[in-house]
Amino acid sequence: MNVYVREMKSQAKSFILWSVGMVLFVAASIGKYAGMGTNGQTMNDLMAEMPSSLQAIMGTGTFDLSKISGYYGVLVIYLFLLGTIHAAMLGANLVAKEEREKTAEFLFVKPMSRNQVIGAKLLAALTNIIMFNLVTMVSCLSFVSMYGNGESVSKDIFLTMMGMLILQLLFMAIGTAIASLSKRPKLAAPISTGL
């Protein structure tokens, strides 16, 4: 468990920065919805005039932007993007960090098997991702309910956060695999993020 605690401590600053960034992003995005106020229907008309390919790129599609649920539907695409980048970088840095700092040899000569070391690091990353999702979900629930005008979207938020968790686990695994296979550990995080 020493490796787990050490890994959690080393990820603490990154976790705090990512969490604060996500809360601020959600607050700013929902604040933009509140600023639109009665212009929601105008936004729907504006989006309807755009070509369907541009609507698909922006993620608006058939969402009703005059309702908080429609606005959240557009916002969730960007939440997923940020969450998967976070997870890919986290996974890539699990292994690459030890290679970069030249501590891998020291770590692997400890009286622990390699599987135990990597398992503890993966458990720390999983804990980090779950806590990140909880912070995101609580911020979404609080800001959306603040401006929701009685519209219930709690179930939708919970479902999208479960989807985000699955995506994050997938991208964490991809980032870890890239870092494990990469000959140059400094390139693992940028390659994972680019993916």
Foldseek 3Di string as FASTA:
>chain_A
DVLLVVLLVVCVVVLVVLLVVLLVVLLVLLVVLVVCPPVQVVVVVVLVPDDPVVCVVQQQHPFRSPALLSSVSSVLVVVLLSLLLSLLLLLLCLQLVCVVVVCPVVVCVPPDHPCVNSVSSVVSSLVSSVVSLVSNLVSNVVSCVVPRVPDDCNVVSVVSSVVSSVSSVVLSVVLNVQNVPDPRSVCSSVVSSVD
